[in-house]
Every structure is written in C-alpha cells, then in structure tokens.
Amino acid sequence: ADAGGWIAQKWHFPPALTEIIEYHHKPHLARQVPVPTAVVHLADILVRARGFGFADDPFVPAIHPQAWELLKLSEGDLEVILRELDESLEVAGDFLALE
C-alpha cells in the first residue's frame, strides 16, 4: 500500500485516490477520504477471505475497528455483501474460464 501510494503520487493521481491507495491497509490514518478508504479496506479483507490476494498467505486481517465504525454496517449488511461478493466472484470465474 505504501508503494502504491508512492506510485500514485508519481503518476499524479488525485490526492483523494492516492490516500485511498496508500491507507487502505491502515484506514484509521486516512484524513481526506476516510469513508472511501474504509470501503476499500473492507473490500480488500473480504476478497482475501475468499482466497484472493497474496499467494501463500492464508492470514486474513480483521476489519479495523475505526473502519467498521465509519461504515456503520450490521452483521446482516455484511452477510448481504458477502452473498453478493460470492455471486460476483462466480460470474467472474465463469468469464475467466472461457477459452
């Protein structure tokens, strides 16, 4: 994430997008756009929980408490998000399996 933030700055990405990239693993440090940063943080964790992310790293970090607080999601909301994520990943998998 630090390297991504550095690259985003070098490529002159907008400051808000740079902050999201740089702090999505540390959403509590985001100052300009904390809610979008928390959304990307959550998305990153959820896809890692579904097996996408770093190769050979089974560790899935917890959602940062401040991100959880900012997003104001209930357990029911999270269940809906996970169900939709699974459906989207299945569609993407079907698409990528085409030869």
C-alpha atoms as a PDB file:
ATOM      1  CA  ALA A   1       0.000   0.000   0.000  1.00  0.00           C
ATOM      2  CA  ASP A   2       2.892   2.355   0.726  1.00  0.00           C
ATOM      3  CA  ALA A   3       4.438   1.566  -2.652  1.00  0.00           C
ATOM      4  CA  GLY A   4       1.056   2.043  -4.317  1.00  0.00           C
ATOM      5  CA  GLY A   5       0.695   5.444  -2.676  1.00  0.00           C
ATOM      6  CA  TRP A   6       4.152   6.438  -3.859  1.00  0.00           C
ATOM      7  CA  ILE A   7       3.379   5.352  -7.422  1.00  0.00           C
ATOM      8  CA  ALA A   8       0.033   7.166  -7.329  1.00  0.00           C
ATOM      9  CA  GLN A   9       1.831  10.370  -6.320  1.00  0.00           C
ATOM     10  CA  LYS A  10       4.459   9.937  -9.038  1.00  0.00           C
ATOM     11  CA  TRP A  11       1.720   9.411 -11.627  1.00  0.00           C
ATOM     12  CA  HIS A  12      -0.114  12.494 -10.366  1.00  0.00           C
ATOM     13  CA  PHE A  13      -3.270  10.693  -9.277  1.00  0.00           C
ATOM     14  CA  PRO A  14      -5.748  12.930  -7.464  1.00  0.00           C
ATOM     15  CA  PRO A  15      -4.862  13.300  -3.758  1.00  0.00           C
ATOM     16  CA  ALA A  16      -8.050  11.551  -2.620  1.00  0.00           C
ATOM     17  CA  LEU A  17      -7.333   8.467  -4.753  1.00  0.00           C
ATOM     18  CA  THR A  18      -3.711   8.462  -3.600  1.00  0.00           C
ATOM     19  CA  GLU A  19      -4.866   8.468   0.022  1.00  0.00           C
ATOM     20  CA  ILE A  20      -7.231   5.543  -0.570  1.00  0.00           C
ATOM     21  CA  ILE A  21      -4.452   3.513  -2.193  1.00  0.00           C
ATOM     22  CA  GLU A  22      -1.886   4.415   0.455  1.00  0.00           C
ATOM     23  CA  TYR A  23      -4.039   3.845   3.529  1.00  0.00           C
ATOM     24  CA  HIS A  24      -6.421   1.020   2.639  1.00  0.00           C
ATOM     25  CA  HIS A  25      -4.416  -1.269   4.972  1.00  0.00           C
ATOM     26  CA  LYS A  26      -4.381   1.469   7.649  1.00  0.00           C
ATOM     27  CA  PRO A  27      -7.756   3.189   7.213  1.00  0.00           C
ATOM     28  CA  HIS A  28      -7.513   4.963  10.553  1.00  0.00           C
ATOM     29  CA  LEU A  29      -4.783   7.190   9.055  1.00  0.00           C
ATOM     30  CA  ALA A  30      -6.940   8.490   6.190  1.00  0.00           C
ATOM     31  CA  ARG A  31      -7.841  12.156   6.645  1.00  0.00           C
ATOM     32  CA  GLN A  32      -9.263  13.423   3.333  1.00  0.00           C
ATOM     33  CA  VAL A  33     -11.489  10.497   2.399  1.00  0.00           C
ATOM     34  CA  PRO A  34     -11.878   8.181   5.403  1.00  0.00           C
ATOM     35  CA  VAL A  35     -15.137   6.524   4.303  1.00  0.00           C
ATOM     36  CA  PRO A  36     -13.983   5.521   0.781  1.00  0.00           C
ATOM     37  CA  THR A  37     -10.705   4.330   2.328  1.00  0.00           C
ATOM     38  CA  ALA A  38     -12.687   2.210   4.798  1.00  0.00           C
ATOM     39  CA  VAL A  39     -14.743   0.778   1.911  1.00  0.00           C
ATOM     40  CA  VAL A  40     -11.597  -0.302   0.045  1.00  0.00           C
ATOM     41  CA  HIS A  41     -10.166  -1.667   3.321  1.00  0.00           C
ATOM     42  CA  LEU A  42     -13.288  -3.795   3.809  1.00  0.00           C
ATOM     43  CA  ALA A  43     -13.310  -4.941   0.172  1.00  0.00           C
ATOM     44  CA  ASP A  44      -9.643  -5.942   0.388  1.00  0.00           C
ATOM     45  CA  ILE A  45     -10.290  -8.029   3.502  1.00  0.00           C
ATOM     46  CA  LEU A  46     -13.399  -9.679   2.074  1.00  0.00           C
ATOM     47  CA  VAL A  47     -11.712 -10.785  -1.151  1.00  0.00           C
ATOM     48  CA  ARG A  48      -8.740 -12.063   0.862  1.00  0.00           C
ATOM     49  CA  ALA A  49     -11.206 -14.059   2.965  1.00  0.00           C
ATOM     50  CA  ARG A  50     -12.431 -15.595  -0.295  1.00  0.00           C
ATOM     51  CA  GLY A  51      -8.917 -16.654  -1.306  1.00  0.00           C
ATOM     52  CA  PHE A  52      -7.761 -13.729  -3.418  1.00  0.00           C
ATOM     53  CA  GLY A  53      -4.726 -11.659  -2.548  1.00  0.00           C
ATOM     54  CA  PHE A  54      -1.239 -12.588  -1.525  1.00  0.00           C
ATOM     55  CA  ALA A  55      -0.128 -16.020  -2.712  1.00  0.00           C
ATOM     56  CA  ASP A  56       0.650 -18.490   0.068  1.00  0.00           C
ATOM     57  CA  ASP A  57      -0.607 -16.110   2.778  1.00  0.00           C
ATOM     58  CA  PRO A  58      -3.658 -17.617   4.465  1.00  0.00           C
ATOM     59  CA  PHE A  59      -3.834 -14.778   7.025  1.00  0.00           C
ATOM     60  CA  VAL A  60      -6.904 -12.592   6.714  1.00  0.00           C
ATOM     61  CA  PRO A  61      -6.662  -9.462   8.845  1.00  0.00           C
ATOM     62  CA  ALA A  62      -9.528  -8.224  10.965  1.00  0.00           C
ATOM     63  CA  ILE A  63     -11.510  -5.213   9.839  1.00  0.00           C
ATOM     64  CA  HIS A  64     -10.046  -2.181  11.585  1.00  0.00           C
ATOM     65  CA  PRO A  65     -12.444  -1.036  14.338  1.00  0.00           C
ATOM     66  CA  GLN A  66     -12.454   2.554  13.069  1.00  0.00           C
ATOM     67  CA  ALA A  67     -13.343   1.387   9.544  1.00  0.00           C
ATOM     68  CA  TRP A  68     -16.156  -0.736  10.976  1.00  0.00           C
ATOM     69  CA  GLU A  69     -17.419   2.291  12.920  1.00  0.00           C
ATOM     70  CA  LEU A  70     -17.228   4.617   9.906  1.00  0.00           C
ATOM     71  CA  LEU A  71     -19.139   2.223   7.656  1.00  0.00           C
ATOM     72  CA  LYS A  72     -21.909   1.592  10.202  1.00  0.00           C
ATOM     73  CA  LEU A  73     -22.581  -1.890   8.844  1.00  0.00           C
ATOM     74  CA  SER A  74     -24.571  -4.505  10.701  1.00  0.00           C
ATOM     75  CA  GLU A  75     -23.874  -8.230  10.626  1.00  0.00           C
ATOM     76  CA  GLY A  76     -26.868  -8.524   8.296  1.00  0.00           C
ATOM     77  CA  ASP A  77     -25.332  -5.955   5.956  1.00  0.00           C
ATOM     78  CA  LEU A  78     -22.111  -7.929   5.927  1.00  0.00           C
ATOM     79  CA  GLU A  79     -23.985 -11.144   5.110  1.00  0.00           C
ATOM     80  CA  VAL A  80     -25.651  -9.438   2.124  1.00  0.00           C
ATOM     81  CA  ILE A  81     -22.311  -8.031   0.952  1.00  0.00           C
ATOM     82  CA  LEU A  82     -20.672 -11.461   1.204  1.00  0.00           C
ATOM     83  CA  ARG A  83     -23.509 -13.117  -0.701  1.00  0.00           C
ATOM     84  CA  GLU A  84     -23.237 -10.517  -3.486  1.00  0.00           C
ATOM     85  CA  LEU A  85     -19.455 -10.857  -3.489  1.00  0.00           C
ATOM     86  CA  ASP A  86     -19.712 -14.626  -3.891  1.00  0.00           C
ATOM     87  CA  GLU A  87     -22.126 -14.198  -6.806  1.00  0.00           C
ATOM     88  CA  SER A  88     -19.819 -11.665  -8.473  1.00  0.00           C
ATOM     89  CA  LEU A  89     -16.775 -13.879  -7.990  1.00  0.00           C
ATOM     90  CA  GLU A  90     -18.651 -16.819  -9.502  1.00  0.00           C
ATOM     91  CA  VAL A  91     -19.587 -14.759 -12.578  1.00  0.00           C
ATOM     92  CA  ALA A  92     -16.002 -13.517 -12.892  1.00  0.00           C
ATOM     93  CA  GLY A  93     -14.700 -17.075 -12.542  1.00  0.00           C
ATOM     94  CA  ASP A  94     -17.069 -18.296 -15.249  1.00  0.00           C
ATOM     95  CA  PHE A  95     -15.970 -15.455 -17.519  1.00  0.00           C
ATOM     96  CA  LEU A  96     -12.275 -16.113 -16.937  1.00  0.00           C
ATOM     97  CA  ALA A  97     -12.737 -19.852 -17.535  1.00  0.00           C
ATOM     98  CA  LEU A  98     -13.889 -19.231 -21.117  1.00  0.00           C
ATOM     99  CA  GLU A  99     -11.417 -20.426 -23.698  1.00  0.00           C
END
